[in-house]
């Protein structure tokens, strides 16, 4: 059975800056556990089949104008039918004049009502994006997560291979740390993963022989970042003379995390290799590939065409 996560209502309201219209006691501590957002047009007509009580409801101008056609008594009946389902929150769009029947019914059932100047479609989009971040499936991985040239690079490998030391060198070269040792990875869409540090160890790093360092204080606020999209996974492995490593970069490798395939590569480690510079090049080359350029394939095609033309 899939784990269901929750986010407290006060976190969403602070993030999205909704204005309270009716705030029952304790409403800020209501847990939200559903990423979906609903516009209750059909429900105002009395159709509640397959209705999800756990979803936040967003009422746009169309729904509000529809309700204004009815008497106060009929309006209250429609709001009662909706609020009796114990929905977590009703959001009214466009700062429209709030119907008195809405407030009366909300008081009766203890349902919080908030308002936004934005259009309903924009509210739904903002809520969906925020809820996907807060409630998405997640996993914690051992590694170091850095941002290099705008690319989220997850460094993994055996303990003691040099992940943290490489990250420190990257910080000195102007890049940013997201997480050290433990990386919380969330699935925020069908194609995107976002990584962050657990709250307890955020912006701290462990360096063997030195101990714990506070990156934010040593290097400044510009050296850290709270979250970043996971663009590339680099596996640091000990150099083995008997292993054939990829020298062209034609074949793409992927690592599957939360049912999403993330581009990955193995980088062998041995004394004398400047891992920070290699990772910088890997980040730039990955961006180059996303723009449709693959140097390995281009060189391979040139060699093939040269052989064909010389036959």
C-alpha atoms as a PDB file:
ATOM      1  CA  UNK A   1       0.000   0.000   0.000  1.00  0.00           C
ATOM      2  CA  UNK A   2       1.360   3.419  -1.018  1.00  0.00           C
ATOM      3  CA  UNK A   3       2.355   5.801   1.768  1.00  0.00           C
ATOM      4  CA  UNK A   4       0.189   8.938   1.971  1.00  0.00           C
ATOM      5  CA  UNK A   5       1.858  12.132   3.093  1.00  0.00           C
ATOM      6  CA  UNK A   6       0.210  15.229   4.534  1.00  0.00           C
ATOM      7  CA  UNK A   7       0.838  18.967   4.633  1.00  0.00           C
ATOM      8  CA  UNK A   8      -0.725  21.307   7.163  1.00  0.00           C
ATOM      9  CA  UNK A   9      -3.088  23.929   5.824  1.00  0.00           C
ATOM     10  CA  UNK A  10      -1.112  26.788   7.348  1.00  0.00           C
ATOM     11  CA  UNK A  11       1.882  25.868   5.151  1.00  0.00           C
ATOM     12  CA  UNK A  12      -0.202  26.170   1.972  1.00  0.00           C
ATOM     13  CA  UNK A  13      -1.883  29.406   3.040  1.00  0.00           C
ATOM     14  CA  UNK A  14       1.468  30.987   3.869  1.00  0.00           C
ATOM     15  CA  UNK A  15       2.953  29.864   0.568  1.00  0.00           C
ATOM     16  CA  UNK A  16       0.033  30.942  -1.630  1.00  0.00           C
ATOM     17  CA  UNK A  17      -1.032  34.055   0.330  1.00  0.00           C
ATOM     18  CA  UNK A  18      -4.789  33.433   0.365  1.00  0.00           C
ATOM     19  CA  UNK A  19      -6.953  35.836   2.375  1.00  0.00           C
ATOM     20  CA  UNK A  20      -9.189  34.198   5.021  1.00  0.00           C
ATOM     21  CA  UNK A  21     -12.946  34.800   4.670  1.00  0.00           C
ATOM     22  CA  UNK A  22     -14.122  32.411   7.373  1.00  0.00           C
ATOM     23  CA  UNK A  23     -11.600  30.810   9.729  1.00  0.00           C
ATOM     24  CA  UNK A  24     -12.975  28.237  12.199  1.00  0.00           C
ATOM     25  CA  UNK A  25     -10.933  27.464  15.289  1.00  0.00           C
ATOM     26  CA  UNK A  26      -7.934  25.232  14.624  1.00  0.00           C
ATOM     27  CA  UNK A  27      -8.357  25.315  10.851  1.00  0.00           C
ATOM     28  CA  UNK A  28      -4.650  26.059  10.276  1.00  0.00           C
ATOM     29  CA  UNK A  29      -3.743  22.605  11.569  1.00  0.00           C
ATOM     30  CA  UNK A  30      -5.985  20.761   9.121  1.00  0.00           C
ATOM     31  CA  UNK A  31      -3.992  18.105   7.261  1.00  0.00           C
ATOM     32  CA  UNK A  32      -4.172  18.019   3.452  1.00  0.00           C
ATOM     33  CA  UNK A  33      -3.432  14.598   1.978  1.00  0.00           C
ATOM     34  CA  UNK A  34      -4.704  14.780  -1.608  1.00  0.00           C
ATOM     35  CA  UNK A  35      -2.783  16.351  -4.525  1.00  0.00           C
ATOM     36  CA  UNK A  36      -5.881  16.756  -6.678  1.00  0.00           C
ATOM     37  CA  UNK A  37      -7.866  20.010  -6.739  1.00  0.00           C
ATOM     38  CA  UNK A  38     -11.549  20.172  -7.722  1.00  0.00           C
ATOM     39  CA  UNK A  39     -13.869  22.815  -9.146  1.00  0.00           C
ATOM     40  CA  UNK A  40     -17.317  21.873  -7.744  1.00  0.00           C
ATOM     41  CA  UNK A  41     -19.494  22.796 -10.716  1.00  0.00           C
ATOM     42  CA  UNK A  42     -21.273  19.435 -10.930  1.00  0.00           C
ATOM     43  CA  UNK A  43     -21.555  19.230  -7.147  1.00  0.00           C
ATOM     44  CA  UNK A  44     -23.516  22.498  -7.045  1.00  0.00           C
ATOM     45  CA  UNK A  45     -26.111  20.800  -9.253  1.00  0.00           C
ATOM     46  CA  UNK A  46     -26.339  17.907  -6.773  1.00  0.00           C
ATOM     47  CA  UNK A  47     -24.072  15.347  -8.492  1.00  0.00           C
ATOM     48  CA  UNK A  48     -21.650  13.829  -5.975  1.00  0.00           C
ATOM     49  CA  UNK A  49     -20.865  10.436  -7.527  1.00  0.00           C
ATOM     50  CA  UNK A  50     -17.086   9.732  -7.397  1.00  0.00           C
ATOM     51  CA  UNK A  51     -16.575  12.956  -5.420  1.00  0.00           C
ATOM     52  CA  UNK A  52     -13.324  13.031  -3.393  1.00  0.00           C
ATOM     53  CA  UNK A  53     -13.983  14.610   0.017  1.00  0.00           C
ATOM     54  CA  UNK A  54     -10.248  15.138   0.644  1.00  0.00           C
ATOM     55  CA  UNK A  55      -9.675  17.528  -2.254  1.00  0.00           C
ATOM     56  CA  UNK A  56      -9.436  21.295  -1.910  1.00  0.00           C
ATOM     57  CA  UNK A  57     -12.345  22.962  -3.742  1.00  0.00           C
ATOM     58  CA  UNK A  58     -11.844  26.043  -5.947  1.00  0.00           C
ATOM     59  CA  UNK A  59     -14.926  28.042  -6.903  1.00  0.00           C
ATOM     60  CA  UNK A  60     -14.504  30.352  -9.898  1.00  0.00           C
ATOM     61  CA  UNK A  61     -16.617  33.211 -11.166  1.00  0.00           C
ATOM     62  CA  UNK A  62     -18.736  30.840 -13.255  1.00  0.00           C
ATOM     63  CA  UNK A  63     -19.818  28.788 -10.244  1.00  0.00           C
ATOM     64  CA  UNK A  64     -20.460  31.898  -8.164  1.00  0.00           C
ATOM     65  CA  UNK A  65     -22.581  33.511 -10.888  1.00  0.00           C
ATOM     66  CA  UNK A  66     -24.524  30.265 -11.207  1.00  0.00           C
ATOM     67  CA  UNK A  67     -25.337  30.365  -7.481  1.00  0.00           C
ATOM     68  CA  UNK A  68     -26.540  33.990  -7.660  1.00  0.00           C
ATOM     69  CA  UNK A  69     -29.482  32.827  -9.779  1.00  0.00           C
ATOM     70  CA  UNK A  70     -30.970  31.107  -6.729  1.00  0.00           C
ATOM     71  CA  UNK A  71     -32.600  32.390  -3.551  1.00  0.00           C
ATOM     72  CA  UNK A  72     -30.583  32.555  -0.331  1.00  0.00           C
ATOM     73  CA  UNK A  73     -32.389  29.440   0.886  1.00  0.00           C
ATOM     74  CA  UNK A  74     -31.492  27.442  -2.254  1.00  0.00           C
ATOM     75  CA  UNK A  75     -27.920  28.712  -2.120  1.00  0.00           C
ATOM     76  CA  UNK A  76     -27.525  27.501   1.448  1.00  0.00           C
ATOM     77  CA  UNK A  77     -28.875  24.080   0.501  1.00  0.00           C
ATOM     78  CA  UNK A  78     -26.232  23.797  -2.222  1.00  0.00           C
ATOM     79  CA  UNK A  79     -23.437  24.941   0.068  1.00  0.00           C
ATOM     80  CA  UNK A  80     -24.711  22.591   2.790  1.00  0.00           C
ATOM     81  CA  UNK A  81     -24.506  19.661   0.399  1.00  0.00           C
ATOM     82  CA  UNK A  82     -20.878  20.556  -0.372  1.00  0.00           C
ATOM     83  CA  UNK A  83     -19.708  21.468   3.131  1.00  0.00           C
ATOM     84  CA  UNK A  84     -21.400  18.464   4.727  1.00  0.00           C
ATOM     85  CA  UNK A  85     -18.779  16.337   2.965  1.00  0.00           C
ATOM     86  CA  UNK A  86     -16.189  17.906   5.310  1.00  0.00           C
ATOM     87  CA  UNK A  87     -13.987  19.255   2.545  1.00  0.00           C
ATOM     88  CA  UNK A  88     -10.631  20.633   3.781  1.00  0.00           C
ATOM     89  CA  UNK A  89     -10.901  24.110   2.198  1.00  0.00           C
ATOM     90  CA  UNK A  90     -12.943  26.256  -0.198  1.00  0.00           C
ATOM     91  CA  UNK A  91     -11.093  28.855  -2.265  1.00  0.00           C
ATOM     92  CA  UNK A  92     -13.040  31.678  -3.937  1.00  0.00           C
ATOM     93  CA  UNK A  93     -11.449  33.315  -6.984  1.00  0.00           C
ATOM     94  CA  UNK A  94     -11.209  36.866  -8.339  1.00  0.00           C
ATOM     95  CA  UNK A  95     -11.950  38.541  -4.982  1.00  0.00           C
ATOM     96  CA  UNK A  96     -15.650  38.347  -5.852  1.00  0.00           C
ATOM     97  CA  UNK A  97     -18.269  39.490  -3.359  1.00  0.00           C
ATOM     98  CA  UNK A  98     -18.753  36.593  -0.972  1.00  0.00           C
ATOM     99  CA  UNK A  99     -22.268  35.203  -0.817  1.00  0.00           C
ATOM    100  CA  UNK A 100     -23.740  35.437   2.734  1.00  0.00           C
ATOM    101  CA  UNK A 101     -25.151  31.939   2.252  1.00  0.00           C
ATOM    102  CA  UNK A 102     -21.599  30.631   1.806  1.00  0.00           C
ATOM    103  CA  UNK A 103     -20.493  32.080   5.147  1.00  0.00           C
ATOM    104  CA  UNK A 104     -23.587  30.835   6.979  1.00  0.00           C
ATOM    105  CA  UNK A 105     -23.160  27.322   5.686  1.00  0.00           C
ATOM    106  CA  UNK A 106     -19.400  27.356   6.337  1.00  0.00           C
ATOM    107  CA  UNK A 107     -20.050  28.335   9.977  1.00  0.00           C
ATOM    108  CA  UNK A 108     -22.582  25.548  10.300  1.00  0.00           C
ATOM    109  CA  UNK A 109     -20.106  22.866   9.191  1.00  0.00           C
ATOM    110  CA  UNK A 110     -16.821  24.472  10.316  1.00  0.00           C
ATOM    111  CA  UNK A 111     -15.301  24.629   6.822  1.00  0.00           C
ATOM    112  CA  UNK A 112     -12.564  27.251   6.209  1.00  0.00           C
ATOM    113  CA  UNK A 113     -13.134  29.622   3.288  1.00  0.00           C
ATOM    114  CA  UNK A 114     -10.399  31.754   1.735  1.00  0.00           C
ATOM    115  CA  UNK A 115     -10.220  34.184  -1.171  1.00  0.00           C
ATOM    116  CA  UNK A 116      -7.713  35.034  -3.897  1.00  0.00           C
ATOM    117  CA  UNK A 117      -7.556  37.819  -6.513  1.00  0.00           C
ATOM    118  CA  UNK A 118      -6.389  35.274  -9.117  1.00  0.00           C
ATOM    119  CA  UNK A 119      -8.538  33.447 -11.655  1.00  0.00           C
ATOM    120  CA  UNK A 120      -9.678  29.940 -10.780  1.00  0.00           C
ATOM    121  CA  UNK A 121      -7.450  28.273 -13.398  1.00  0.00           C
ATOM    122  CA  UNK A 122      -4.373  30.025 -11.977  1.00  0.00           C
ATOM    123  CA  UNK A 123      -5.345  29.025  -8.426  1.00  0.00           C
ATOM    124  CA  UNK A 124      -5.774  25.378  -9.450  1.00  0.00           C
ATOM    125  CA  UNK A 125      -2.385  25.390 -11.204  1.00  0.00           C
ATOM    126  CA  UNK A 126      -0.619  26.952  -8.199  1.00  0.00           C
ATOM    127  CA  UNK A 127      -2.275  24.599  -5.714  1.00  0.00           C
ATOM    128  CA  UNK A 128      -1.518  21.529  -7.838  1.00  0.00           C
ATOM    129  CA  UNK A 129       2.157  22.466  -8.194  1.00  0.00           C
ATOM    130  CA  UNK A 130       2.506  23.148  -4.468  1.00  0.00           C
ATOM    131  CA  UNK A 131       0.675  19.982  -3.415  1.00  0.00           C
ATOM    132  CA  UNK A 132       2.770  17.835  -5.764  1.00  0.00           C
ATOM    133  CA  UNK A 133       5.897  19.127  -4.040  1.00  0.00           C
ATOM    134  CA  UNK A 134       4.529  18.637  -0.519  1.00  0.00           C
ATOM    135  CA  UNK A 135       2.741  15.318  -1.049  1.00  0.00           C
ATOM    136  CA  UNK A 136       4.628  13.585  -3.858  1.00  0.00           C
ATOM    137  CA  UNK A 137       6.170  10.093  -3.402  1.00  0.00           C
ATOM    138  CA  UNK A 138       9.661  10.312  -1.950  1.00  0.00           C
ATOM    139  CA  UNK A 139      12.771   8.350  -1.139  1.00  0.00           C
ATOM    140  CA  UNK A 140      15.970   9.135   0.775  1.00  0.00           C
ATOM    141  CA  UNK A 141      19.269   8.270  -0.915  1.00  0.00           C
ATOM    142  CA  UNK A 142      22.838   8.297   0.374  1.00  0.00           C
ATOM    143  CA  UNK A 143      24.872  10.807  -1.586  1.00  0.00           C
ATOM    144  CA  UNK A 144      25.746  14.462  -2.136  1.00  0.00           C
ATOM    145  CA  UNK A 145      23.502  16.757  -4.152  1.00  0.00           C
ATOM    146  CA  UNK A 146      24.950  19.887  -5.783  1.00  0.00           C
ATOM    147  CA  UNK A 147      23.927  22.424  -8.384  1.00  0.00           C
ATOM    148  CA  UNK A 148      26.544  22.895 -11.106  1.00  0.00           C
ATOM    149  CA  UNK A 149      25.896  25.366 -13.914  1.00  0.00           C
ATOM    150  CA  UNK A 150      22.162  25.103 -13.244  1.00  0.00           C
ATOM    151  CA  UNK A 151      22.160  21.289 -13.365  1.00  0.00           C
ATOM    152  CA  UNK A 152      21.170  19.234 -10.325  1.00  0.00           C
ATOM    153  CA  UNK A 153      23.960  16.657  -9.930  1.00  0.00           C
ATOM    154  CA  UNK A 154      23.501  13.756  -7.508  1.00  0.00           C
ATOM    155  CA  UNK A 155      26.857  12.242  -6.534  1.00  0.00           C
ATOM    156  CA  UNK A 156      26.643   8.652  -5.309  1.00  0.00           C
ATOM    157  CA  UNK A 157      29.257   6.018  -4.514  1.00  0.00           C
ATOM    158  CA  UNK A 158      30.798   3.997  -1.726  1.00  0.00           C
ATOM    159  CA  UNK A 159      31.444   5.653   1.614  1.00  0.00           C
ATOM    160  CA  UNK A 160      34.865   7.345   1.609  1.00  0.00           C
ATOM    161  CA  UNK A 161      35.099   7.624  -2.182  1.00  0.00           C
ATOM    162  CA  UNK A 162      35.349  11.433  -1.950  1.00  0.00           C
ATOM    163  CA  UNK A 163      31.831  12.762  -2.577  1.00  0.00           C
ATOM    164  CA  UNK A 164      31.910  15.452   0.130  1.00  0.00           C
ATOM    165  CA  UNK A 165      35.471  16.509  -0.683  1.00  0.00           C
ATOM    166  CA  UNK A 166      34.495  16.917  -4.334  1.00  0.00           C
ATOM    167  CA  UNK A 167      31.458  18.947  -3.302  1.00  0.00           C
ATOM    168  CA  UNK A 168      33.667  21.287  -1.242  1.00  0.00           C
ATOM    169  CA  UNK A 169      35.879  21.891  -4.260  1.00  0.00           C
ATOM    170  CA  UNK A 170      32.794  22.633  -6.349  1.00  0.00           C
ATOM    171  CA  UNK A 171      31.617  25.137  -3.720  1.00  0.00           C
ATOM    172  CA  UNK A 172      34.983  26.899  -3.903  1.00  0.00           C
ATOM    173  CA  UNK A 173      34.521  27.117  -7.670  1.00  0.00           C
ATOM    174  CA  UNK A 174      31.199  28.966  -7.242  1.00  0.00           C
ATOM    175  CA  UNK A 175      28.639  26.130  -7.343  1.00  0.00           C
ATOM    176  CA  UNK A 176      26.020  25.336  -4.701  1.00  0.00           C
ATOM    177  CA  UNK A 177      25.288  22.613  -2.171  1.00  0.00           C
ATOM    178  CA  UNK A 178      21.779  21.228  -1.762  1.00  0.00           C
ATOM    179  CA  UNK A 179      22.373  18.207   0.479  1.00  0.00           C
ATOM    180  CA  UNK A 180      25.190  16.152   1.957  1.00  0.00           C
ATOM    181  CA  UNK A 181      25.064  12.515   3.082  1.00  0.00           C
ATOM    182  CA  UNK A 182      21.257  12.122   2.910  1.00  0.00           C
ATOM    183  CA  UNK A 183      19.195  13.429  -0.009  1.00  0.00           C
ATOM    184  CA  UNK A 184      15.387  13.492   0.112  1.00  0.00           C
ATOM    185  CA  UNK A 185      14.069  13.000  -3.423  1.00  0.00           C
ATOM    186  CA  UNK A 186      10.434  13.751  -4.284  1.00  0.00           C
ATOM    187  CA  UNK A 187       8.485  12.961  -7.422  1.00  0.00           C
ATOM    188  CA  UNK A 188       6.762  16.257  -8.289  1.00  0.00           C
ATOM    189  CA  UNK A 189       5.422  15.292 -11.727  1.00  0.00           C
ATOM    190  CA  UNK A 190       5.391  12.369 -14.133  1.00  0.00           C
ATOM    191  CA  UNK A 191       8.846  13.394 -15.397  1.00  0.00           C
ATOM    192  CA  UNK A 192      10.463  15.419 -12.611  1.00  0.00           C
ATOM    193  CA  UNK A 193      12.311  14.655  -9.385  1.00  0.00           C
ATOM    194  CA  UNK A 194      13.339  17.313  -6.870  1.00  0.00           C
ATOM    195  CA  UNK A 195      16.017  16.811  -4.249  1.00  0.00           C
ATOM    196  CA  UNK A 196      16.508  18.538  -0.898  1.00  0.00           C
ATOM    197  CA  UNK A 197      18.230  17.981   2.452  1.00  0.00           C
ATOM    198  CA  UNK A 198      16.464  16.680   5.549  1.00  0.00           C
ATOM    199  CA  UNK A 199      15.645  19.641   7.792  1.00  0.00           C
ATOM    200  CA  UNK A 200      17.882  18.416  10.619  1.00  0.00           C
ATOM    201  CA  UNK A 201      21.119  18.367   8.577  1.00  0.00           C
ATOM    202  CA  UNK A 202      20.374  21.068   6.003  1.00  0.00           C
ATOM    203  CA  UNK A 203      23.516  22.997   4.913  1.00  0.00           C
ATOM    204  CA  UNK A 204      25.818  20.886   7.120  1.00  0.00           C
ATOM    205  CA  UNK A 205      28.607  18.701   5.700  1.00  0.00           C
ATOM    206  CA  UNK A 206      30.818  16.026   7.203  1.00  0.00           C
ATOM    207  CA  UNK A 207      34.492  16.023   6.213  1.00  0.00           C
ATOM    208  CA  UNK A 208      36.572  13.156   7.552  1.00  0.00           C
ATOM    209  CA  UNK A 209      39.405  14.485   9.688  1.00  0.00           C
ATOM    210  CA  UNK A 210      37.725  17.883  10.159  1.00  0.00           C
ATOM    211  CA  UNK A 211      34.230  17.007  11.319  1.00  0.00           C
ATOM    212  CA  UNK A 212      30.989  18.909  10.710  1.00  0.00           C
ATOM    213  CA  UNK A 213      31.085  22.227   8.856  1.00  0.00           C
ATOM    214  CA  UNK A 214      28.289  24.740   8.302  1.00  0.00           C
ATOM    215  CA  UNK A 215      28.459  25.507   4.596  1.00  0.00           C
ATOM    216  CA  UNK A 216      26.055  28.448   4.788  1.00  0.00           C
ATOM    217  CA  UNK A 217      28.229  30.250   7.341  1.00  0.00           C
ATOM    218  CA  UNK A 218      31.618  29.313   5.912  1.00  0.00           C
ATOM    219  CA  UNK A 219      30.872  30.014   2.245  1.00  0.00           C
ATOM    220  CA  UNK A 220      27.849  32.345   2.454  1.00  0.00           C
ATOM    221  CA  UNK A 221      24.207  32.122   1.401  1.00  0.00           C
ATOM    222  CA  UNK A 222      25.196  32.026  -2.271  1.00  0.00           C
ATOM    223  CA  UNK A 223      26.813  28.614  -1.749  1.00  0.00           C
ATOM    224  CA  UNK A 224      23.638  26.784  -0.729  1.00  0.00           C
ATOM    225  CA  UNK A 225      20.251  26.066  -2.269  1.00  0.00           C
ATOM    226  CA  UNK A 226      17.202  24.495  -0.548  1.00  0.00           C
ATOM    227  CA  UNK A 227      15.964  22.394  -3.499  1.00  0.00           C
ATOM    228  CA  UNK A 228      16.943  21.503  -7.046  1.00  0.00           C
ATOM    229  CA  UNK A 229      15.671  19.288  -9.849  1.00  0.00           C
ATOM    230  CA  UNK A 230      17.590  16.015 -10.240  1.00  0.00           C
ATOM    231  CA  UNK A 231      19.070  16.239 -13.740  1.00  0.00           C
ATOM    232  CA  UNK A 232      22.024  13.842 -13.654  1.00  0.00           C
ATOM    233  CA  UNK A 233      23.365  11.069 -11.414  1.00  0.00           C
ATOM    234  CA  UNK A 234      27.127  10.563 -11.233  1.00  0.00           C
ATOM    235  CA  UNK A 235      28.347   7.340  -9.656  1.00  0.00           C
ATOM    236  CA  UNK A 236      31.918   7.682  -8.361  1.00  0.00           C
ATOM    237  CA  UNK A 237      33.679   4.305  -8.576  1.00  0.00           C
ATOM    238  CA  UNK A 238      37.226   3.193  -7.755  1.00  0.00           C
ATOM    239  CA  UNK A 239      39.460   2.980 -10.804  1.00  0.00           C
ATOM    240  CA  UNK A 240      39.957  -0.591 -11.998  1.00  0.00           C
ATOM    241  CA  UNK A 241      42.581  -1.164 -14.692  1.00  0.00           C
ATOM    242  CA  UNK A 242      40.696  -4.220 -15.867  1.00  0.00           C
ATOM    243  CA  UNK A 243      37.409  -2.365 -16.466  1.00  0.00           C
ATOM    244  CA  UNK A 244      36.494  -0.860 -19.823  1.00  0.00           C
ATOM    245  CA  UNK A 245      35.034   2.595 -19.199  1.00  0.00           C
ATOM    246  CA  UNK A 246      32.877   4.518 -21.656  1.00  0.00           C
ATOM    247  CA  UNK A 247      35.169   6.679 -23.799  1.00  0.00           C
ATOM    248  CA  UNK A 248      32.704   8.014 -26.362  1.00  0.00           C
ATOM    249  CA  UNK A 249      29.521   8.745 -24.405  1.00  0.00           C
ATOM    250  CA  UNK A 250      27.290   7.453 -27.200  1.00  0.00           C
ATOM    251  CA  UNK A 251      25.267   4.999 -25.128  1.00  0.00           C
ATOM    252  CA  UNK A 252      22.983   6.662 -22.605  1.00  0.00           C
ATOM    253  CA  UNK A 253      22.643   5.129 -19.142  1.00  0.00           C
ATOM    254  CA  UNK A 254      19.773   5.703 -16.754  1.00  0.00           C
ATOM    255  CA  UNK A 255      19.071   5.110 -13.078  1.00  0.00           C
ATOM    256  CA  UNK A 256      15.430   4.524 -12.147  1.00  0.00           C
ATOM    257  CA  UNK A 257      14.146   6.462  -9.126  1.00  0.00           C
ATOM    258  CA  UNK A 258      10.436   6.514  -8.223  1.00  0.00           C
ATOM    259  CA  UNK A 259       9.546   5.151 -11.688  1.00  0.00           C
ATOM    260  CA  UNK A 260      11.469   7.946 -13.460  1.00  0.00           C
ATOM    261  CA  UNK A 261      14.609   7.249 -15.514  1.00  0.00           C
ATOM    262  CA  UNK A 262      17.344   9.764 -14.661  1.00  0.00           C
ATOM    263  CA  UNK A 263      20.427  10.065 -16.922  1.00  0.00           C
ATOM    264  CA  UNK A 264      23.492   8.665 -15.154  1.00  0.00           C
ATOM    265  CA  UNK A 265      27.167   7.924 -15.662  1.00  0.00           C
ATOM    266  CA  UNK A 266      30.061   6.209 -13.895  1.00  0.00           C
ATOM    267  CA  UNK A 267      33.190   8.271 -13.254  1.00  0.00           C
ATOM    268  CA  UNK A 268      36.270   6.299 -12.140  1.00  0.00           C
ATOM    269  CA  UNK A 269      38.259   7.805  -9.276  1.00  0.00           C
ATOM    270  CA  UNK A 270      42.042   7.585  -8.828  1.00  0.00           C
ATOM    271  CA  UNK A 271      44.763   9.877  -7.458  1.00  0.00           C
ATOM    272  CA  UNK A 272      45.510  12.788  -9.771  1.00  0.00           C
ATOM    273  CA  UNK A 273      42.036  13.115 -11.315  1.00  0.00           C
ATOM    274  CA  UNK A 274      40.436  16.499 -10.644  1.00  0.00           C
ATOM    275  CA  UNK A 275      36.902  15.343  -9.945  1.00  0.00           C
ATOM    276  CA  UNK A 276      35.469  18.864  -9.536  1.00  0.00           C
ATOM    277  CA  UNK A 277      36.596  19.864 -13.036  1.00  0.00           C
ATOM    278  CA  UNK A 278      35.352  16.564 -14.492  1.00  0.00           C
ATOM    279  CA  UNK A 279      31.929  17.068 -12.884  1.00  0.00           C
ATOM    280  CA  UNK A 280      31.771  20.634 -14.233  1.00  0.00           C
ATOM    281  CA  UNK A 281      32.437  19.286 -17.734  1.00  0.00           C
ATOM    282  CA  UNK A 282      29.861  16.518 -17.204  1.00  0.00           C
ATOM    283  CA  UNK A 283      27.248  19.130 -16.211  1.00  0.00           C
ATOM    284  CA  UNK A 284      27.986  21.318 -19.239  1.00  0.00           C
ATOM    285  CA  UNK A 285      28.009  18.312 -21.564  1.00  0.00           C
ATOM    286  CA  UNK A 286      24.674  17.137 -20.147  1.00  0.00           C
ATOM    287  CA  UNK A 287      23.139  20.555 -20.889  1.00  0.00           C
ATOM    288  CA  UNK A 288      24.646  20.323 -24.381  1.00  0.00           C
ATOM    289  CA  UNK A 289      22.949  16.949 -24.909  1.00  0.00           C
ATOM    290  CA  UNK A 290      19.593  18.344 -23.739  1.00  0.00           C
ATOM    291  CA  UNK A 291      19.958  20.993 -26.456  1.00  0.00           C
ATOM    292  CA  UNK A 292      20.303  18.210 -29.044  1.00  0.00           C
ATOM    293  CA  UNK A 293      24.095  17.973 -29.382  1.00  0.00           C
ATOM    294  CA  UNK A 294      26.043  14.790 -28.653  1.00  0.00           C
ATOM    295  CA  UNK A 295      29.764  15.137 -29.319  1.00  0.00           C
ATOM    296  CA  UNK A 296      30.320  11.369 -29.210  1.00  0.00           C
ATOM    297  CA  UNK A 297      27.658  10.706 -31.839  1.00  0.00           C
ATOM    298  CA  UNK A 298      28.886  13.571 -34.008  1.00  0.00           C
ATOM    299  CA  UNK A 299      32.454  12.236 -33.955  1.00  0.00           C
ATOM    300  CA  UNK A 300      31.255   8.698 -34.642  1.00  0.00           C
ATOM    301  CA  UNK A 301      29.244   9.902 -37.645  1.00  0.00           C
ATOM    302  CA  UNK A 302      32.251  11.843 -38.980  1.00  0.00           C
ATOM    303  CA  UNK A 303      34.467   8.756 -38.702  1.00  0.00           C
ATOM    304  CA  UNK A 304      31.827   6.601 -40.418  1.00  0.00           C
ATOM    305  CA  UNK A 305      31.309   9.102 -43.259  1.00  0.00           C
ATOM    306  CA  UNK A 306      35.078   9.410 -43.724  1.00  0.00           C
ATOM    307  CA  UNK A 307      35.410   5.626 -44.025  1.00  0.00           C
ATOM    308  CA  UNK A 308      32.512   5.448 -46.515  1.00  0.00           C
ATOM    309  CA  UNK A 309      33.934   8.272 -48.665  1.00  0.00           C
ATOM    310  CA  UNK A 310      37.403   6.682 -48.754  1.00  0.00           C
ATOM    311  CA  UNK A 311      36.132   3.323 -49.972  1.00  0.00           C
END
